[in-house]
PDB file of all heavy atoms in Angstrom:
ATOM      1  N   ASP A   1       0.820  -1.197   0.001  1.00  0.00           N
ATOM      2  CA  ASP A   1       0.001  -0.002  -0.005  1.00  0.00           C
ATOM      3  C   ASP A   1       0.860   1.254  -0.003  1.00  0.00           C
ATOM      4  O   ASP A   1       2.063   1.210   0.247  1.00  0.00           O
ATOM      5  CB  ASP A   1      -0.920  -0.010   1.217  1.00  0.00           C
ATOM      6  CG  ASP A   1      -2.323   0.382   0.820  1.00  0.00           C
ATOM      7  OD1 ASP A   1      -2.453   1.079  -0.195  1.00  0.00           O
ATOM      8  OD2 ASP A   1      -3.272  -0.029   1.520  1.00  0.00           O
ATOM      9  N   LEU A   2       0.200   2.361  -0.241  1.00  0.00           N
ATOM     10  CA  LEU A   2       0.767   3.727  -0.178  1.00  0.00           C
ATOM     11  C   LEU A   2       1.535   4.110  -1.434  1.00  0.00           C
ATOM     12  O   LEU A   2       2.480   3.451  -1.822  1.00  0.00           O
ATOM     13  CB  LEU A   2       1.691   3.901   1.021  1.00  0.00           C
ATOM     14  CG  LEU A   2       1.003   4.156   2.362  1.00  0.00           C
ATOM     15  CD1 LEU A   2       2.053   4.240   3.427  1.00  0.00           C
ATOM     16  CD2 LEU A   2       0.217   5.426   2.328  1.00  0.00           C
ATOM     17  N   SER A   3       1.131   5.192  -2.053  1.00  0.00           N
ATOM     18  CA  SER A   3       1.904   5.761  -3.170  1.00  0.00           C
ATOM     19  C   SER A   3       2.904   6.736  -2.588  1.00  0.00           C
ATOM     20  O   SER A   3       2.747   7.937  -2.653  1.00  0.00           O
ATOM     21  CB  SER A   3       0.943   6.477  -4.141  1.00  0.00           C
ATOM     22  OG  SER A   3       0.208   7.461  -3.430  1.00  0.00           O
ATOM     23  N   ILE A   4       3.935   6.181  -1.985  1.00  0.00           N
ATOM     24  CA  ILE A   4       4.959   6.987  -1.318  1.00  0.00           C
ATOM     25  C   ILE A   4       6.214   6.943  -2.159  1.00  0.00           C
ATOM     26  O   ILE A   4       6.671   5.875  -2.553  1.00  0.00           O
ATOM     27  CB  ILE A   4       5.228   6.438   0.091  1.00  0.00           C
ATOM     28  CG1 ILE A   4       3.951   6.518   0.930  1.00  0.00           C
ATOM     29  CG2 ILE A   4       6.355   7.162   0.780  1.00  0.00           C
ATOM     30  CD1 ILE A   4       4.077   5.870   2.259  1.00  0.00           C
ATOM     31  N   PRO A   5       6.838   8.084  -2.438  1.00  0.00           N
ATOM     32  CA  PRO A   5       8.064   8.083  -3.230  1.00  0.00           C
ATOM     33  C   PRO A   5       9.168   7.328  -2.495  1.00  0.00           C
ATOM     34  O   PRO A   5       9.329   7.460  -1.301  1.00  0.00           O
ATOM     35  CB  PRO A   5       8.402   9.569  -3.369  1.00  0.00           C
ATOM     36  CG  PRO A   5       7.568  10.287  -2.392  1.00  0.00           C
ATOM     37  CD  PRO A   5       6.423   9.441  -2.050  1.00  0.00           C
ATOM     38  N   VAL A   6       9.899   6.522  -3.224  1.00  0.00           N
ATOM     39  CA  VAL A   6      10.993   5.746  -2.675  1.00  0.00           C
ATOM     40  C   VAL A   6      12.284   6.411  -3.107  1.00  0.00           C
ATOM     41  O   VAL A   6      12.509   6.686  -4.273  1.00  0.00           O
ATOM     42  CB  VAL A   6      10.933   4.289  -3.178  1.00  0.00           C
ATOM     43  CG1 VAL A   6      12.075   3.496  -2.604  1.00  0.00           C
ATOM     44  CG2 VAL A   6       9.600   3.661  -2.794  1.00  0.00           C
ATOM     45  N   HIS A   7      13.184   6.640  -2.148  1.00  0.00           N
ATOM     46  CA  HIS A   7      14.379   7.414  -2.429  1.00  0.00           C
ATOM     47  C   HIS A   7      15.492   6.572  -3.022  1.00  0.00           C
ATOM     48  O   HIS A   7      16.393   7.108  -3.639  1.00  0.00           O
ATOM     49  CB  HIS A   7      14.860   8.070  -1.132  1.00  0.00           C
ATOM     50  CG  HIS A   7      13.847   9.031  -0.562  1.00  0.00           C
ATOM     51  ND1 HIS A   7      13.746  10.322  -0.995  1.00  0.00           N
ATOM     52  CD2 HIS A   7      12.878   8.847   0.383  1.00  0.00           C
ATOM     53  CE1 HIS A   7      12.765  10.936  -0.320  1.00  0.00           C
ATOM     54  NE2 HIS A   7      12.229  10.060   0.522  1.00  0.00           N
ATOM     55  N   ASP A   8      15.490   5.269  -2.780  1.00  0.00           N
ATOM     56  CA  ASP A   8      16.550   4.410  -3.295  1.00  0.00           C
ATOM     57  C   ASP A   8      15.917   3.253  -4.051  1.00  0.00           C
ATOM     58  O   ASP A   8      15.960   2.112  -3.635  1.00  0.00           O
ATOM     59  CB  ASP A   8      17.426   3.892  -2.149  1.00  0.00           C
ATOM     60  CG  ASP A   8      18.657   3.156  -2.655  1.00  0.00           C
ATOM     61  OD1 ASP A   8      18.926   3.259  -3.851  1.00  0.00           O
ATOM     62  OD2 ASP A   8      19.317   2.483  -1.844  1.00  0.00           O
ATOM     63  N   LYS A   9      15.293   3.574  -5.201  1.00  0.00           N
ATOM     64  CA  LYS A   9      14.532   2.561  -5.924  1.00  0.00           C
ATOM     65  C   LYS A   9      15.442   1.488  -6.513  1.00  0.00           C
ATOM     66  O   LYS A   9      15.006   0.389  -6.767  1.00  0.00           O
ATOM     67  CB  LYS A   9      13.710   3.206  -7.035  1.00  0.00           C
ATOM     68  CG  LYS A   9      12.589   4.101  -6.485  1.00  0.00           C
ATOM     69  CD  LYS A   9      11.714   4.596  -7.592  1.00  0.00           C
ATOM     70  CE  LYS A   9      10.538   5.444  -7.053  1.00  0.00           C
ATOM     71  NZ  LYS A   9       9.653   5.936  -8.069  1.00  0.00           N
ATOM     72  N   ASP A  10      16.733   1.838  -6.771  1.00  0.00           N
ATOM     73  CA  ASP A  10      17.616   0.837  -7.329  1.00  0.00           C
ATOM     74  C   ASP A  10      17.872  -0.319  -6.372  1.00  0.00           C
ATOM     75  O   ASP A  10      18.158  -1.447  -6.775  1.00  0.00           O
ATOM     76  CB  ASP A  10      18.957   1.477  -7.707  1.00  0.00           C
ATOM     77  CG  ASP A  10      18.797   2.480  -8.835  1.00  0.00           C
ATOM     78  OD1 ASP A  10      17.817   2.348  -9.593  1.00  0.00           O
ATOM     79  OD2 ASP A  10      19.644   3.380  -8.965  1.00  0.00           O
ATOM     80  N   SER A  11      17.757  -0.043  -5.083  1.00  0.00           N
ATOM     81  CA  SER A  11      18.008  -1.084  -4.077  1.00  0.00           C
ATOM     82  C   SER A  11      16.774  -1.874  -3.744  1.00  0.00           C
ATOM     83  O   SER A  11      16.826  -2.824  -2.986  1.00  0.00           O
ATOM     84  CB  SER A  11      18.562  -0.469  -2.785  1.00  0.00           C
ATOM     85  OG  SER A  11      17.570   0.352  -2.190  1.00  0.00           O
ATOM     86  N   LEU A  12      15.589  -1.480  -4.274  1.00  0.00           N
ATOM     87  CA  LEU A  12      14.345  -2.176  -3.961  1.00  0.00           C
ATOM     88  C   LEU A  12      13.981  -3.116  -5.090  1.00  0.00           C
ATOM     89  O   LEU A  12      14.038  -2.759  -6.252  1.00  0.00           O
ATOM     90  CB  LEU A  12      13.230  -1.160  -3.737  1.00  0.00           C
ATOM     91  CG  LEU A  12      13.528  -0.097  -2.667  1.00  0.00           C
ATOM     92  CD1 LEU A  12      12.339   0.826  -2.530  1.00  0.00           C
ATOM     93  CD2 LEU A  12      13.888  -0.728  -1.359  1.00  0.00           C
ATOM     94  N   SER A  13      13.585  -4.303  -4.722  1.00  0.00           N
ATOM     95  CA  SER A  13      13.240  -5.301  -5.745  1.00  0.00           C
ATOM     96  C   SER A  13      12.250  -6.278  -5.174  1.00  0.00           C
ATOM     97  O   SER A  13      12.294  -6.637  -4.013  1.00  0.00           O
ATOM     98  CB  SER A  13      14.505  -6.047  -6.206  1.00  0.00           C
ATOM     99  OG  SER A  13      14.166  -7.114  -7.009  1.00  0.00           O
ATOM    100  N   CYS A  14      11.306  -6.689  -6.054  1.00  0.00           N
ATOM    101  CA  CYS A  14      10.321  -7.691  -5.618  1.00  0.00           C
ATOM    102  C   CYS A  14      10.925  -9.075  -5.671  1.00  0.00           C
ATOM    103  O   CYS A  14      10.421 -10.000  -5.050  1.00  0.00           O
ATOM    104  CB  CYS A  14       9.083  -7.643  -6.503  1.00  0.00           C
ATOM    105  SG  CYS A  14       8.043  -6.217  -6.179  1.00  0.00           S
ATOM    106  N   GLY A  15      11.970  -9.289  -6.430  1.00  0.00           N
ATOM    107  CA  GLY A  15      12.546 -10.610  -6.555  1.00  0.00           C
ATOM    108  C   GLY A  15      13.553 -10.881  -5.465  1.00  0.00           C
ATOM    109  O   GLY A  15      14.183 -10.001  -4.927  1.00  0.00           O
ATOM    110  N   LEU A  16      13.707 -12.159  -5.139  1.00  0.00           N
ATOM    111  CA  LEU A  16      14.698 -12.585  -4.166  1.00  0.00           C
ATOM    112  C   LEU A  16      15.639 -13.543  -4.864  1.00  0.00           C
ATOM    113  O   LEU A  16      15.277 -14.226  -5.819  1.00  0.00           O
ATOM    114  CB  LEU A  16      14.034 -13.260  -2.970  1.00  0.00           C
ATOM    115  CG  LEU A  16      13.157 -12.360  -2.111  1.00  0.00           C
ATOM    116  CD1 LEU A  16      12.443 -13.217  -1.088  1.00  0.00           C
ATOM    117  CD2 LEU A  16      13.970 -11.270  -1.441  1.00  0.00           C
ATOM    118  N   SER A  17      16.871 -13.597  -4.365  1.00  0.00           N
ATOM    119  CA  SER A  17      17.837 -14.500  -4.971  1.00  0.00           C
ATOM    120  C   SER A  17      17.398 -15.956  -4.823  1.00  0.00           C
ATOM    121  O   SER A  17      17.637 -16.760  -5.695  1.00  0.00           O
ATOM    122  CB  SER A  17      19.210 -14.304  -4.321  1.00  0.00           C
ATOM    123  OG  SER A  17      19.114 -14.524  -2.928  1.00  0.00           O
ATOM    124  N   SER A  18      16.786 -16.264  -3.708  1.00  0.00           N
ATOM    125  CA  SER A  18      16.269 -17.622  -3.498  1.00  0.00           C
ATOM    126  C   SER A  18      14.964 -17.511  -2.729  1.00  0.00           C
ATOM    127  O   SER A  18      14.908 -17.733  -1.533  1.00  0.00           O
ATOM    128  CB  SER A  18      17.283 -18.457  -2.724  1.00  0.00           C
ATOM    129  OG  SER A  18      17.595 -17.838  -1.508  1.00  0.00           O
ATOM    130  N   PRO A  19      13.852 -17.109  -3.395  1.00  0.00           N
ATOM    131  CA  PRO A  19      12.591 -16.849  -2.692  1.00  0.00           C
ATOM    132  C   PRO A  19      12.032 -18.120  -2.064  1.00  0.00           C
ATOM    133  O   PRO A  19      12.109 -19.190  -2.634  1.00  0.00           O
ATOM    134  CB  PRO A  19      11.673 -16.311  -3.785  1.00  0.00           C
ATOM    135  CG  PRO A  19      12.240 -16.850  -5.047  1.00  0.00           C
ATOM    136  CD  PRO A  19      13.725 -16.915  -4.847  1.00  0.00           C
ATOM    137  N   LEU A  20      11.473 -17.946  -0.883  1.00  0.00           N
ATOM    138  CA  LEU A  20      10.835 -19.047  -0.183  1.00  0.00           C
ATOM    139  C   LEU A  20       9.383 -18.671   0.084  1.00  0.00           C
ATOM    140  O   LEU A  20       9.082 -17.498   0.326  1.00  0.00           O
ATOM    141  CB  LEU A  20      11.546 -19.316   1.143  1.00  0.00           C
ATOM    142  CG  LEU A  20      12.988 -19.850   0.999  1.00  0.00           C
ATOM    143  CD1 LEU A  20      13.652 -19.877   2.353  1.00  0.00           C
ATOM    144  CD2 LEU A  20      12.989 -21.229   0.391  1.00  0.00           C
ATOM    145  N   PRO A  21       8.465 -19.637   0.056  1.00  0.00           N
ATOM    146  CA  PRO A  21       7.039 -19.299   0.224  1.00  0.00           C
ATOM    147  C   PRO A  21       6.744 -18.822   1.627  1.00  0.00           C
ATOM    148  O   PRO A  21       7.183 -19.408   2.614  1.00  0.00           O
ATOM    149  CB  PRO A  21       6.345 -20.650  -0.054  1.00  0.00           C
ATOM    150  CG  PRO A  21       7.376 -21.671   0.241  1.00  0.00           C
ATOM    151  CD  PRO A  21       8.682 -21.062  -0.147  1.00  0.00           C
ATOM    152  N   ARG A  22       6.002 -17.712   1.722  1.00  0.00           N
ATOM    153  CA  ARG A  22       5.582 -17.152   2.998  1.00  0.00           C
ATOM    154  C   ARG A  22       4.395 -16.229   2.761  1.00  0.00           C
ATOM    155  O   ARG A  22       3.980 -16.016   1.613  1.00  0.00           O
ATOM    156  CB  ARG A  22       6.716 -16.401   3.683  1.00  0.00           C
ATOM    157  CG  ARG A  22       7.346 -15.335   2.795  1.00  0.00           C
ATOM    158  CD  ARG A  22       8.702 -14.930   3.382  1.00  0.00           C
ATOM    159  NE  ARG A  22       9.318 -13.848   2.643  1.00  0.00           N
ATOM    160  CZ  ARG A  22      10.012 -13.986   1.521  1.00  0.00           C
ATOM    161  NH1 ARG A  22      10.148 -15.187   1.011  1.00  0.00           N
ATOM    162  NH2 ARG A  22      10.550 -12.940   0.909  1.00  0.00           N
ATOM    163  N   LEU A  23       3.868 -15.674   3.822  1.00  0.00           N
ATOM    164  CA  LEU A  23       2.711 -14.800   3.736  1.00  0.00           C
ATOM    165  C   LEU A  23       3.116 -13.409   4.178  1.00  0.00           C
ATOM    166  O   LEU A  23       3.720 -13.235   5.244  1.00  0.00           O
ATOM    167  CB  LEU A  23       1.587 -15.320   4.632  1.00  0.00           C
ATOM    168  CG  LEU A  23       0.217 -14.647   4.422  1.00  0.00           C
ATOM    169  CD1 LEU A  23      -0.390 -15.122   3.117  1.00  0.00           C
ATOM    170  CD2 LEU A  23      -0.696 -14.964   5.593  1.00  0.00           C
ATOM    171  N   ARG A  24       2.824 -12.430   3.340  1.00  0.00           N
ATOM    172  CA  ARG A  24       3.156 -11.038   3.669  1.00  0.00           C
ATOM    173  C   ARG A  24       1.898 -10.337   4.192  1.00  0.00           C
ATOM    174  O   ARG A  24       0.809 -10.469   3.629  1.00  0.00           O
ATOM    175  CB  ARG A  24       3.698 -10.317   2.453  1.00  0.00           C
ATOM    176  CG  ARG A  24       3.911  -8.814   2.673  1.00  0.00           C
ATOM    177  CD  ARG A  24       4.967  -8.258   1.756  1.00  0.00           C
ATOM    178  NE  ARG A  24       6.271  -8.802   2.079  1.00  0.00           N
ATOM    179  CZ  ARG A  24       7.402  -8.413   1.472  1.00  0.00           C
ATOM    180  NH1 ARG A  24       7.355  -7.504   0.530  1.00  0.00           N
ATOM    181  NH2 ARG A  24       8.552  -8.950   1.806  1.00  0.00           N
ATOM    182  N   VAL A  25       2.088  -9.584   5.279  1.00  0.00           N
ATOM    183  CA  VAL A  25       1.003  -8.830   5.900  1.00  0.00           C
ATOM    184  C   VAL A  25       1.376  -7.361   5.895  1.00  0.00           C
ATOM    185  O   VAL A  25       2.504  -7.004   6.276  1.00  0.00           O
ATOM    186  CB  VAL A  25       0.751  -9.311   7.354  1.00  0.00           C
ATOM    187  CG1 VAL A  25      -0.390  -8.525   7.968  1.00  0.00           C
ATOM    188  CG2 VAL A  25       0.462 -10.809   7.373  1.00  0.00           C
ATOM    189  N   GLU A  26       0.423  -6.483   5.443  1.00  0.00           N
ATOM    190  CA  GLU A  26       0.672  -5.051   5.373  1.00  0.00           C
ATOM    191  C   GLU A  26      -0.415  -4.308   6.141  1.00  0.00           C
ATOM    192  O   GLU A  26      -1.595  -4.667   6.069  1.00  0.00           O
ATOM    193  CB  GLU A  26       0.680  -4.568   3.916  1.00  0.00           C
ATOM    194  CG  GLU A  26       1.686  -5.287   3.024  1.00  0.00           C
ATOM    195  CD  GLU A  26       1.456  -4.961   1.554  1.00  0.00           C
ATOM    196  OE1 GLU A  26       0.564  -4.126   1.271  1.00  0.00           O
ATOM    197  OE2 GLU A  26       2.142  -5.537   0.703  1.00  0.00           O
ATOM    198  N   ILE A  27      -0.006  -3.290   6.868  1.00  0.00           N
ATOM    199  CA  ILE A  27      -0.943  -2.384   7.551  1.00  0.00           C
ATOM    200  C   ILE A  27      -0.574  -0.978   7.099  1.00  0.00           C
ATOM    201  O   ILE A  27       0.492  -0.455   7.440  1.00  0.00           O
ATOM    202  CB  ILE A  27      -0.843  -2.504   9.091  1.00  0.00           C
ATOM    203  CG1 ILE A  27      -1.213  -3.923   9.528  1.00  0.00           C
ATOM    204  CG2 ILE A  27      -1.766  -1.491   9.750  1.00  0.00           C
ATOM    205  CD1 ILE A  27      -0.044  -4.860   9.654  1.00  0.00           C
ATOM    206  N   ALA A  28      -1.441  -0.366   6.304  1.00  0.00           N
ATOM    207  CA  ALA A  28      -1.166   0.925   5.693  1.00  0.00           C
ATOM    208  C   ALA A  28      -2.219   1.939   6.140  1.00  0.00           C
ATOM    209  O   ALA A  28      -3.394   1.626   6.274  1.00  0.00           O
ATOM    210  CB  ALA A  28      -1.153   0.825   4.168  1.00  0.00           C
ATOM    211  N   ASP A  29      -1.777   3.176   6.391  1.00  0.00           N
ATOM    212  CA  ASP A  29      -2.694   4.244   6.761  1.00  0.00           C
ATOM    213  C   ASP A  29      -2.346   5.505   5.979  1.00  0.00           C
ATOM    214  O   ASP A  29      -1.255   5.616   5.412  1.00  0.00           O
ATOM    215  CB  ASP A  29      -2.646   4.516   8.270  1.00  0.00           C
ATOM    216  CG  ASP A  29      -1.295   5.048   8.721  1.00  0.00           C
ATOM    217  OD1 ASP A  29      -0.939   6.171   8.344  1.00  0.00           O
ATOM    218  OD2 ASP A  29      -0.600   4.322   9.450  1.00  0.00           O
ATOM    219  N   THR A  30      -3.269   6.431   5.941  1.00  0.00           N
ATOM    220  CA  THR A  30      -3.058   7.724   5.264  1.00  0.00           C
ATOM    221  C   THR A  30      -2.925   8.809   6.314  1.00  0.00           C
ATOM    222  O   THR A  30      -3.452   9.910   6.149  1.00  0.00           O
ATOM    223  CB  THR A  30      -4.236   8.018   4.332  1.00  0.00           C
ATOM    224  OG1 THR A  30      -5.452   7.999   5.101  1.00  0.00           O
ATOM    225  CG2 THR A  30      -4.326   6.990   3.231  1.00  0.00           C
ATOM    226  N   GLY A  31      -2.198   8.489   7.413  1.00  0.00           N
ATOM    227  CA  GLY A  31      -2.061   9.417   8.519  1.00  0.00           C
ATOM    228  C   GLY A  31      -1.012  10.494   8.261  1.00  0.00           C
ATOM    229  O   GLY A  31      -0.628  10.776   7.115  1.00  0.00           O
ATOM    230  N   ALA A  32      -0.508  11.060   9.351  1.00  0.00           N
ATOM    231  CA  ALA A  32       0.404  12.196   9.251  1.00  0.00           C
ATOM    232  C   ALA A  32       1.782  11.789   8.744  1.00  0.00           C
ATOM    233  O   ALA A  32       2.535  12.641   8.284  1.00  0.00           O
ATOM    234  CB  ALA A  32       0.537  12.868  10.616  1.00  0.00           C
ATOM    235  N   GLY A  33       2.150  10.485   8.854  1.00  0.00           N
ATOM    236  CA  GLY A  33       3.466  10.063   8.398  1.00  0.00           C
ATOM    237  C   GLY A  33       4.518  10.281   9.476  1.00  0.00           C
ATOM    238  O   GLY A  33       4.296  10.927  10.498  1.00  0.00           O
ATOM    239  N   ILE A  34       5.698   9.725   9.217  1.00  0.00           N
ATOM    240  CA  ILE A  34       6.818   9.793  10.170  1.00  0.00           C
ATOM    241  C   ILE A  34       8.024  10.333   9.438  1.00  0.00           C
ATOM    242  O   ILE A  34       8.350   9.895   8.323  1.00  0.00           O
ATOM    243  CB  ILE A  34       7.120   8.400  10.751  1.00  0.00           C
ATOM    244  CG1 ILE A  34       5.861   7.775  11.360  1.00  0.00           C
ATOM    245  CG2 ILE A  34       8.235   8.449  11.781  1.00  0.00           C
ATOM    246  CD1 ILE A  34       6.040   6.338  11.796  1.00  0.00           C
ATOM    247  N   SER A  35       8.711  11.291  10.047  1.00  0.00           N
ATOM    248  CA  SER A  35       9.888  11.886   9.422  1.00  0.00           C
ATOM    249  C   SER A  35      11.033  10.879   9.385  1.00  0.00           C
ATOM    250  O   SER A  35      11.042   9.891  10.111  1.00  0.00           O
ATOM    251  CB  SER A  35      10.316  13.137  10.194  1.00  0.00           C
ATOM    252  OG  SER A  35      10.761  12.775  11.496  1.00  0.00           O
ATOM    253  N   ARG A  36      12.038  11.183   8.550  1.00  0.00           N
ATOM    254  CA  ARG A  36      13.178  10.287   8.424  1.00  0.00           C
ATOM    255  C   ARG A  36      13.960  10.193   9.742  1.00  0.00           C
ATOM    256  O   ARG A  36      14.489   9.142  10.089  1.00  0.00           O
ATOM    257  CB  ARG A  36      14.111  10.751   7.308  1.00  0.00           C
ATOM    258  CG  ARG A  36      13.550  10.476   5.926  1.00  0.00           C
ATOM    259  CD  ARG A  36      14.599  10.792   4.852  1.00  0.00           C
ATOM    260  NE  ARG A  36      14.118  10.389   3.539  1.00  0.00           N
ATOM    261  CZ  ARG A  36      14.254   9.162   3.035  1.00  0.00           C
ATOM    262  NH1 ARG A  36      14.854   8.239   3.770  1.00  0.00           N
ATOM    263  NH2 ARG A  36      13.812   8.855   1.838  1.00  0.00           N
ATOM    264  N   GLU A  37      14.046  11.301  10.466  1.00  0.00           N
ATOM    265  CA  GLU A  37      14.753  11.279  11.745  1.00  0.00           C
ATOM    266  C   GLU A  37      14.032  10.354  12.744  1.00  0.00           C
ATOM    267  O   GLU A  37      14.683   9.585  13.478  1.00  0.00           O
ATOM    268  CB  GLU A  37      14.872  12.685  12.324  1.00  0.00           C
ATOM    269  CG  GLU A  37      15.739  13.637  11.501  1.00  0.00           C
ATOM    270  CD  GLU A  37      15.028  14.142  10.248  1.00  0.00           C
ATOM    271  OE1 GLU A  37      13.810  13.890  10.142  1.00  0.00           O
ATOM    272  OE2 GLU A  37      15.692  14.751   9.382  1.00  0.00           O
ATOM    273  N   ASP A  38      12.728  10.421  12.773  1.00  0.00           N
ATOM    274  CA  ASP A  38      11.971   9.596  13.702  1.00  0.00           C
ATOM    275  C   ASP A  38      11.947   8.130  13.273  1.00  0.00           C
ATOM    276  O   ASP A  38      11.830   7.232  14.116  1.00  0.00           O
ATOM    277  CB  ASP A  38      10.533  10.105  13.833  1.00  0.00           C
ATOM    278  CG  ASP A  38      10.480  11.453  14.545  1.00  0.00           C
ATOM    279  OD1 ASP A  38      11.341  11.672  15.416  1.00  0.00           O
ATOM    280  OD2 ASP A  38       9.613  12.272  14.219  1.00  0.00           O
ATOM    281  N   GLN A  39      12.053   7.857  11.974  1.00  0.00           N
ATOM    282  CA  GLN A  39      12.018   6.468  11.507  1.00  0.00           C
ATOM    283  C   GLN A  39      13.192   5.653  12.057  1.00  0.00           C
ATOM    284  O   GLN A  39      13.083   4.449  12.287  1.00  0.00           O
ATOM    285  CB  GLN A  39      12.031   6.413   9.973  1.00  0.00           C
ATOM    286  CG  GLN A  39      10.748   6.907   9.332  1.00  0.00           C
ATOM    287  CD  GLN A  39      10.803   6.837   7.814  1.00  0.00           C
ATOM    288  OE1 GLN A  39      11.485   5.993   7.262  1.00  0.00           O
ATOM    289  NE2 GLN A  39      10.076   7.737   7.156  1.00  0.00           N
ATOM    290  N   ALA A  40      14.336   6.318  12.267  1.00  0.00           N
ATOM    291  CA  ALA A  40      15.507   5.599  12.775  1.00  0.00           C
ATOM    292  C   ALA A  40      15.321   5.131  14.213  1.00  0.00           C
ATOM    293  O   ALA A  40      15.982   4.201  14.670  1.00  0.00           O
ATOM    294  CB  ALA A  40      16.753   6.485  12.674  1.00  0.00           C
ATOM    295  N   ARG A  41      14.402   5.783  14.952  1.00  0.00           N
ATOM    296  CA  ARG A  41      14.224   5.459  16.374  1.00  0.00           C
ATOM    297  C   ARG A  41      12.813   4.996  16.697  1.00  0.00           C
ATOM    298  O   ARG A  41      12.459   4.862  17.871  1.00  0.00           O
ATOM    299  CB  ARG A  41      14.559   6.691  17.226  1.00  0.00           C
ATOM    300  CG  ARG A  41      15.945   7.241  17.031  1.00  0.00           C
ATOM    301  CD  ARG A  41      16.178   8.431  17.946  1.00  0.00           C
ATOM    302  NE  ARG A  41      15.944   8.068  19.337  1.00  0.00           N
ATOM    303  CZ  ARG A  41      15.826   8.972  20.317  1.00  0.00           C
ATOM    304  NH1 ARG A  41      15.917  10.270  20.048  1.00  0.00           N
ATOM    305  NH2 ARG A  41      15.622   8.575  21.571  1.00  0.00           N
ATOM    306  N   ILE A  42      12.010   4.732  15.689  1.00  0.00           N
ATOM    307  CA  ILE A  42      10.604   4.494  15.909  1.00  0.00           C
ATOM    308  C   ILE A  42      10.360   3.214  16.731  1.00  0.00           C
ATOM    309  O   ILE A  42       9.372   3.088  17.441  1.00  0.00           O
ATOM    310  CB  ILE A  42       9.839   4.412  14.566  1.00  0.00           C
ATOM    311  CG1 ILE A  42       8.329   4.469  14.814  1.00  0.00           C
ATOM    312  CG2 ILE A  42      10.219   3.162  13.817  1.00  0.00           C
ATOM    313  CD1 ILE A  42       7.855   5.776  15.378  1.00  0.00           C
ATOM    314  N   PHE A  43      11.320   2.239  16.648  1.00  0.00           N
ATOM    315  CA  PHE A  43      11.149   0.993  17.373  1.00  0.00           C
ATOM    316  C   PHE A  43      11.865   0.981  18.714  1.00  0.00           C
ATOM    317  O   PHE A  43      11.904  -0.052  19.375  1.00  0.00           O
ATOM    318  CB  PHE A  43      11.647  -0.189  16.523  1.00  0.00           C
ATOM    319  CG  PHE A  43      10.817  -0.435  15.282  1.00  0.00           C
ATOM    320  CD1 PHE A  43      11.261  -0.037  14.036  1.00  0.00           C
ATOM    321  CD2 PHE A  43       9.590  -1.065  15.380  1.00  0.00           C
ATOM    322  CE1 PHE A  43      10.504  -0.252  12.906  1.00  0.00           C
ATOM    323  CE2 PHE A  43       8.818  -1.295  14.262  1.00  0.00           C
ATOM    324  CZ  PHE A  43       9.277  -0.878  13.008  1.00  0.00           C
ATOM    325  N   ASP A  44      12.446   2.115  19.129  1.00  0.00           N
ATOM    326  CA  ASP A  44      13.109   2.183  20.428  1.00  0.00           C
ATOM    327  C   ASP A  44      12.069   2.232  21.548  1.00  0.00           C
ATOM    328  O   ASP A  44      10.939   2.700  21.357  1.00  0.00           O
ATOM    329  CB  ASP A  44      14.019   3.416  20.525  1.00  0.00           C
ATOM    330  CG  ASP A  44      15.202   3.316  19.581  1.00  0.00           C
ATOM    331  OD1 ASP A  44      15.433   2.204  19.056  1.00  0.00           O
ATOM    332  OD2 ASP A  44      15.887   4.328  19.380  1.00  0.00           O
TER     333      ASP A  44
END
């Protein structure tokens, strides 16, 4: 989800060198967002 600009698109890829089956879960909101400075510490 989210049409958010990606700053390093060359490093992002849907493919994996050796993909394994799993289930991906996403939780997306259209809230205020988080700044880059706060993203580095958001899980502290």
